[in-house]
Amino acid sequence: MARRERNREGEGGLPVRVDPQDTVRLLKAMPPNAPEAESALLGCLLVEPTAIGDVVSVIRSAEDFFQDRHKVVYANIVDLYDRTASVDVVRLVQQLTDRKVLDAVGGCDYLIRLSESMPSAQYAMEYARTVRDKATLRQLIDASSATVHEAFANEQTTESVLEQAEQRIFAIAQRRESNSVSNLSDLLREAMERLEAREGTGLTGVGCGFDDIDEMTSGLQSGEMLILAARPSMGKTALALNMMEGVSLGGTPAGGALQLGNGSAAARAALAVRQGRRGWSATSAWNIGLRRHAPTGGGV
């Protein structure tokens, strides 16, 4: 028992070791789902259609529902609301009848039970988050199952299997993050605070030490990704390093990952040692570099 517990905790940051028999039993079990929350959410949307606008920001697809009939009902509720800006049981029944799927969802009686069994429409968002969370767990299971299959099949390189596993997990995390909702008032307040903090500097982000770049970008902004692209041997790495140094000298920690060969890394380390022996400080080296390499045309 003690050995099994140690395996679950993991050692040295390695993945947790799981008993294969436990995995087999879990794969045969019912996937995570919340049928009561799904029914309650659909009932809320039938009684209070105004909640649909908020719910669709959390549940972007009918596939987030576990039961097939709930997928059909939700998709038709959203479609009816998009076309008419309103939803009720009578029109929903008519639409499902026209599309010949009314019997597949349980008939008119089931839709009436959904609307009558709804606890309270004010909890619609809570039900939606519950449905979304269970859907995320099912997506993780699917992604993990695909990775296990690829690892056992041994038909691809290890790097390819790792890359595809990362892409699957990243796609799930990105979708969940994109579903988050923020109040406009909070966003405006944060924007005003940033502007007031940078008043008089002309920058709304972090300066990189190159005036022309800072003028074009208003500084490096939080949450943005800037791509530095050029032909080989044009100085992309040097410019990126200088920008990182400029950010650091401005008081903001900066870091990055460079794909350098051993020779390049050793040469740059030797250059740093040489500068240190000559008594150059980071600031003096930075200023000398700016004076020597400043563009004559005023642009970068």
Protein backbone atom coordinates (compact mmCIF):
# COMPACT_ATOMS: atom_id res chain seq x y z
CA MET A 1 0.00 0.00 0.00
CA ALA A 2 2.81 2.39 0.91
CA ARG A 3 4.57 1.62 -2.35
CA ARG A 4 1.42 2.35 -4.30
CA GLU A 5 0.98 5.70 -2.57
CA ARG A 6 4.56 6.68 -3.40
CA ASN A 7 3.94 5.85 -7.04
CA ARG A 8 0.90 8.14 -7.09
CA GLU A 9 2.93 11.03 -5.64
CA GLY A 10 5.70 10.64 -8.20
CA GLU A 11 9.43 11.01 -7.59
CA GLY A 12 11.81 13.61 -8.97
CA GLY A 13 9.07 15.32 -10.96
CA LEU A 14 8.43 12.22 -13.08
CA PRO A 15 4.89 11.39 -14.24
CA VAL A 16 2.76 9.56 -11.70
CA ARG A 17 2.83 5.79 -12.15
CA VAL A 18 -0.66 4.33 -12.41
CA ASP A 19 -1.66 0.70 -12.17
CA PRO A 20 -2.68 -0.42 -15.71
CA GLN A 21 -5.61 -2.36 -14.25
CA ASP A 22 -6.93 0.86 -12.70
CA THR A 23 -6.70 2.54 -16.11
CA VAL A 24 -8.65 -0.27 -17.78
CA ARG A 25 -11.41 -0.04 -15.16
CA LEU A 26 -11.63 3.73 -15.53
CA LEU A 27 -11.90 3.53 -19.32
CA LYS A 28 -14.84 1.15 -18.95
CA ALA A 29 -16.60 3.47 -16.49
CA MET A 30 -19.10 6.19 -17.39
CA PRO A 31 -17.32 9.40 -18.51
CA PRO A 32 -17.77 12.51 -16.32
CA ASN A 33 -21.17 14.08 -16.88
CA ALA A 34 -23.88 16.00 -15.07
CA PRO A 35 -27.32 15.05 -16.44
CA GLU A 36 -29.17 17.01 -13.76
CA ALA A 37 -27.21 20.17 -14.54
CA GLU A 38 -27.85 19.69 -18.27
CA SER A 39 -31.60 19.31 -17.74
CA ALA A 40 -31.74 22.26 -15.34
CA LEU A 41 -29.79 24.47 -17.77
CA LEU A 42 -32.10 23.65 -20.67
CA GLY A 43 -35.12 24.36 -18.43
CA CYS A 44 -33.64 27.75 -17.51
CA LEU A 45 -33.19 28.65 -21.18
CA LEU A 46 -36.80 27.72 -21.97
CA VAL A 47 -38.19 29.78 -19.09
CA GLU A 48 -35.72 32.70 -19.24
CA PRO A 49 -34.46 33.08 -22.84
CA THR A 50 -32.58 36.24 -21.86
CA ALA A 51 -30.00 34.01 -20.18
CA ILE A 52 -29.02 32.49 -23.53
CA GLY A 53 -26.70 35.39 -24.35
CA ASP A 54 -24.64 34.72 -21.22
CA VAL A 55 -24.76 30.94 -21.46
CA VAL A 56 -23.38 30.79 -25.02
CA SER A 57 -20.25 32.57 -23.80
CA VAL A 58 -19.56 29.56 -21.59
CA ILE A 59 -20.95 26.72 -23.72
CA ARG A 60 -19.82 27.44 -27.26
CA SER A 61 -20.93 24.11 -28.73
CA ALA A 62 -23.77 21.66 -28.20
CA GLU A 63 -21.06 18.97 -27.99
CA ASP A 64 -20.39 20.13 -24.41
CA PHE A 65 -23.55 18.26 -23.44
CA PHE A 66 -23.18 14.56 -22.71
CA GLN A 67 -26.64 13.28 -23.61
CA ASP A 68 -27.40 13.30 -27.33
CA ARG A 69 -30.94 14.61 -26.91
CA HIS A 70 -29.63 17.49 -24.81
CA LYS A 71 -27.21 18.35 -27.62
CA VAL A 72 -30.11 18.53 -30.08
CA VAL A 73 -32.31 20.59 -27.75
CA TYR A 74 -29.53 23.08 -26.93
CA ALA A 75 -28.53 23.53 -30.58
CA ASN A 76 -32.14 24.22 -31.58
CA ILE A 77 -32.70 26.63 -28.66
CA VAL A 78 -29.66 28.68 -29.68
CA ASP A 79 -30.65 28.57 -33.35
CA LEU A 80 -34.20 29.67 -32.57
CA TYR A 81 -32.94 32.49 -30.37
CA ASP A 82 -30.51 33.69 -33.04
CA ARG A 83 -33.31 33.90 -35.62
CA THR A 84 -36.16 35.27 -33.51
CA ALA A 85 -34.49 36.70 -30.36
CA SER A 86 -36.93 34.68 -28.28
CA VAL A 87 -37.62 31.07 -27.29
CA ASP A 88 -40.66 29.22 -25.95
CA VAL A 89 -41.73 25.58 -25.78
CA VAL A 90 -44.37 25.87 -28.50
CA ARG A 91 -42.03 27.27 -31.16
CA LEU A 92 -39.24 24.90 -30.11
CA VAL A 93 -41.59 21.92 -30.52
CA GLN A 94 -42.58 23.17 -33.97
CA GLN A 95 -38.95 23.59 -35.03
CA LEU A 96 -38.00 20.13 -33.80
CA THR A 97 -41.05 18.70 -35.60
CA ASP A 98 -40.10 20.40 -38.86
CA ARG A 99 -36.60 18.98 -38.57
CA LYS A 100 -38.01 15.53 -37.73
CA VAL A 101 -36.06 15.21 -34.47
CA LEU A 102 -38.85 15.75 -31.92
CA ASP A 103 -39.20 12.05 -31.12
CA ALA A 104 -35.41 11.71 -30.80
CA VAL A 105 -35.35 14.21 -27.91
CA GLY A 106 -38.23 12.58 -26.02
CA GLY A 107 -41.21 14.33 -27.55
CA CYS A 108 -43.23 17.31 -26.43
CA ASP A 109 -43.77 15.85 -22.94
CA TYR A 110 -40.03 15.84 -22.22
CA LEU A 111 -39.63 19.50 -23.20
CA ILE A 112 -42.54 20.45 -20.95
CA ARG A 113 -40.94 18.54 -18.06
CA LEU A 114 -37.70 20.39 -18.65
CA SER A 115 -39.39 23.78 -18.37
CA GLU A 116 -41.45 22.80 -15.33
CA SER A 117 -38.64 21.12 -13.36
CA MET A 118 -36.29 24.09 -13.62
CA PRO A 119 -35.23 25.07 -10.02
CA SER A 120 -34.37 28.74 -10.64
CA ALA A 121 -33.27 30.65 -13.73
CA GLN A 122 -30.81 32.71 -11.68
CA TYR A 123 -28.53 29.68 -11.47
CA ALA A 124 -28.25 29.26 -15.24
CA MET A 125 -24.60 30.30 -15.34
CA GLU A 126 -23.72 27.89 -12.53
CA TYR A 127 -25.36 25.05 -14.43
CA ALA A 128 -23.53 26.12 -17.60
CA ARG A 129 -20.15 26.07 -15.86
CA THR A 130 -20.86 22.62 -14.46
CA VAL A 131 -21.74 21.31 -17.93
CA ARG A 132 -18.62 22.97 -19.38
CA ASP A 133 -16.35 21.53 -16.66
CA LYS A 134 -17.58 17.98 -17.25
CA ALA A 135 -17.09 18.45 -20.99
CA THR A 136 -13.51 19.57 -20.38
CA LEU A 137 -12.81 16.43 -18.36
CA ARG A 138 -14.18 14.27 -21.18
CA GLN A 139 -11.99 16.11 -23.68
CA LEU A 140 -8.96 15.45 -21.47
CA ILE A 141 -9.86 11.77 -21.37
CA ASP A 142 -10.15 11.66 -25.16
CA ALA A 143 -6.83 13.47 -25.60
CA SER A 144 -5.10 11.17 -23.13
CA SER A 145 -6.59 8.07 -24.76
CA ALA A 146 -5.30 9.19 -28.17
CA THR A 147 -1.83 9.75 -26.72
CA VAL A 148 -1.85 6.31 -25.06
CA HIS A 149 -2.88 4.70 -28.35
CA GLU A 150 -0.09 6.47 -30.26
CA ALA A 151 2.49 5.54 -27.61
CA PHE A 152 1.54 1.85 -27.69
CA ALA A 153 1.27 1.75 -31.50
CA ASN A 154 4.90 2.92 -31.72
CA GLU A 155 4.34 4.06 -35.31
CA GLN A 156 5.66 7.61 -34.85
CA THR A 157 8.78 9.19 -33.47
CA THR A 158 8.83 10.06 -29.78
CA GLU A 159 9.06 13.76 -30.63
CA SER A 160 5.95 13.52 -32.82
CA VAL A 161 3.94 11.77 -30.10
CA LEU A 162 5.01 14.39 -27.53
CA GLU A 163 4.20 17.26 -29.88
CA GLN A 164 0.71 15.95 -30.66
CA ALA A 165 0.01 15.35 -26.96
CA GLU A 166 1.03 18.91 -26.14
CA GLN A 167 -1.14 20.28 -28.96
CA ARG A 168 -4.20 18.39 -27.73
CA ILE A 169 -3.84 19.61 -24.15
CA PHE A 170 -3.04 23.16 -25.27
CA ALA A 171 -6.13 23.25 -27.51
CA ILE A 172 -8.33 22.23 -24.55
CA ALA A 173 -6.74 24.82 -22.25
CA GLN A 174 -6.97 27.54 -24.91
CA ARG A 175 -10.64 26.82 -25.56
CA ARG A 176 -11.39 26.99 -21.85
CA GLU A 177 -9.50 30.27 -21.48
CA SER A 178 -11.30 31.81 -24.45
CA ASN A 179 -14.61 31.01 -22.75
CA SER A 180 -13.82 33.26 -19.78
CA VAL A 181 -15.96 36.38 -19.50
CA SER A 182 -14.87 39.74 -18.11
CA ASN A 183 -16.93 42.76 -17.19
CA LEU A 184 -16.39 45.71 -19.51
CA SER A 185 -16.26 48.08 -16.54
CA ASP A 186 -13.36 46.12 -15.02
CA LEU A 187 -11.46 46.13 -18.33
CA LEU A 188 -11.96 49.88 -18.75
CA ARG A 189 -10.82 50.52 -15.18
CA GLU A 190 -7.65 48.50 -15.72
CA ALA A 191 -6.96 50.32 -18.99
CA MET A 192 -7.35 53.73 -17.34
CA GLU A 193 -5.03 52.71 -14.51
CA ARG A 194 -2.37 51.65 -17.01
CA LEU A 195 -2.71 54.92 -18.92
CA GLU A 196 -2.47 56.99 -15.73
CA ALA A 197 0.57 55.04 -14.55
CA ARG A 198 2.33 55.75 -17.86
CA GLU A 199 1.21 59.40 -18.10
CA GLY A 200 3.92 61.57 -19.66
CA THR A 201 6.02 58.65 -20.95
CA GLY A 202 4.21 58.08 -24.23
CA LEU A 203 4.18 54.33 -23.53
CA THR A 204 1.36 52.11 -22.35
CA GLY A 205 3.63 49.06 -22.09
CA VAL A 206 7.24 48.25 -21.27
CA GLY A 207 9.95 50.04 -23.23
CA CYS A 208 12.56 47.92 -24.99
CA GLY A 209 15.27 50.58 -25.31
CA PHE A 210 14.72 51.31 -29.01
CA ASP A 211 12.75 54.53 -29.40
CA ASP A 212 11.41 53.78 -32.88
CA ILE A 213 10.15 50.33 -31.87
CA ASP A 214 8.61 51.75 -28.70
CA GLU A 215 6.87 54.43 -30.75
CA MET A 216 5.38 51.86 -33.14
CA THR A 217 4.22 49.48 -30.41
CA SER A 218 3.65 51.95 -27.52
CA GLY A 219 5.84 49.55 -25.56
CA LEU A 220 5.63 45.79 -25.12
CA GLN A 221 2.09 45.03 -24.02
CA SER A 222 1.05 42.35 -21.55
CA GLY A 223 -0.55 39.33 -23.20
CA GLU A 224 0.69 40.15 -26.71
CA MET A 225 3.06 38.09 -28.83
CA LEU A 226 5.38 39.96 -31.19
CA ILE A 227 7.13 38.00 -33.94
CA LEU A 228 10.58 39.15 -35.06
CA ALA A 229 11.05 37.81 -38.59
CA ALA A 230 13.81 38.25 -41.15
CA ARG A 231 16.10 36.28 -43.43
CA PRO A 232 18.94 34.24 -41.87
CA SER A 233 21.96 36.15 -40.57
CA MET A 234 20.11 39.46 -40.42
CA GLY A 235 20.61 39.97 -36.68
CA LYS A 236 17.32 38.72 -35.25
CA THR A 237 18.95 37.12 -32.21
CA ALA A 238 21.15 40.16 -31.55
CA LEU A 239 18.18 42.52 -31.75
CA ALA A 240 16.08 40.30 -29.48
CA LEU A 241 18.90 40.13 -26.92
CA ASN A 242 19.33 43.91 -27.03
CA MET A 243 15.58 44.38 -26.54
CA MET A 244 15.63 42.01 -23.56
CA GLU A 245 18.53 43.92 -22.09
CA GLY A 246 16.71 47.20 -22.62
CA VAL A 247 13.65 45.83 -20.83
CA SER A 248 15.82 44.60 -17.93
CA LEU A 249 17.60 47.94 -17.60
CA GLY A 250 14.19 49.56 -17.36
CA GLY A 251 13.51 47.57 -14.18
CA THR A 252 11.36 44.78 -15.65
CA PRO A 253 12.74 41.21 -15.50
CA ALA A 254 13.13 39.73 -18.99
CA GLY A 255 13.98 36.25 -20.13
CA GLY A 256 13.81 34.05 -23.16
CA ALA A 257 14.77 30.74 -24.67
CA LEU A 258 17.36 30.74 -27.46
CA GLN A 259 18.08 27.74 -29.66
CA LEU A 260 21.84 28.15 -29.89
CA GLY A 261 24.46 25.57 -30.60
CA ASN A 262 27.14 24.80 -28.02
CA GLY A 263 29.68 26.85 -29.98
CA SER A 264 27.46 29.96 -30.10
CA ALA A 265 26.58 29.70 -26.42
CA ALA A 266 30.25 29.30 -25.45
CA ALA A 267 31.30 32.23 -27.64
CA ARG A 268 28.72 34.53 -26.05
CA ALA A 269 29.69 33.39 -22.57
CA ALA A 270 33.35 34.12 -23.39
CA LEU A 271 32.36 37.58 -24.62
CA ALA A 272 30.58 38.27 -21.33
CA VAL A 273 33.66 37.16 -19.36
CA ARG A 274 35.87 39.41 -21.49
CA GLN A 275 33.62 42.41 -20.84
CA GLY A 276 33.65 41.64 -17.13
CA ARG A 277 37.47 41.58 -17.03
CA ARG A 278 37.59 44.95 -18.75
CA GLY A 279 35.31 46.36 -16.08
CA TRP A 280 32.37 47.09 -18.35
CA SER A 281 29.02 47.31 -16.66
CA ALA A 282 25.82 46.25 -18.33
CA THR A 283 24.69 49.86 -18.63
CA SER A 284 27.92 51.10 -20.21
CA ALA A 285 27.98 48.22 -22.70
CA TRP A 286 24.36 48.95 -23.55
CA ASN A 287 25.04 52.63 -24.16
CA ILE A 288 28.11 51.89 -26.28
CA GLY A 289 26.10 49.41 -28.34
CA LEU A 290 23.37 51.96 -28.95
CA ARG A 291 25.85 54.62 -30.07
CA ARG A 292 27.70 52.25 -32.39
CA HIS A 293 24.68 50.60 -33.95
CA ALA A 294 22.09 53.36 -33.92
CA PRO A 295 20.53 53.57 -37.43
CA THR A 296 21.44 56.72 -39.32
CA GLY A 297 17.99 57.01 -40.90
CA GLY A 298 16.19 57.12 -37.59
CA GLY A 299 14.46 53.73 -38.07
CA VAL A 300 15.04 50.16 -37.05
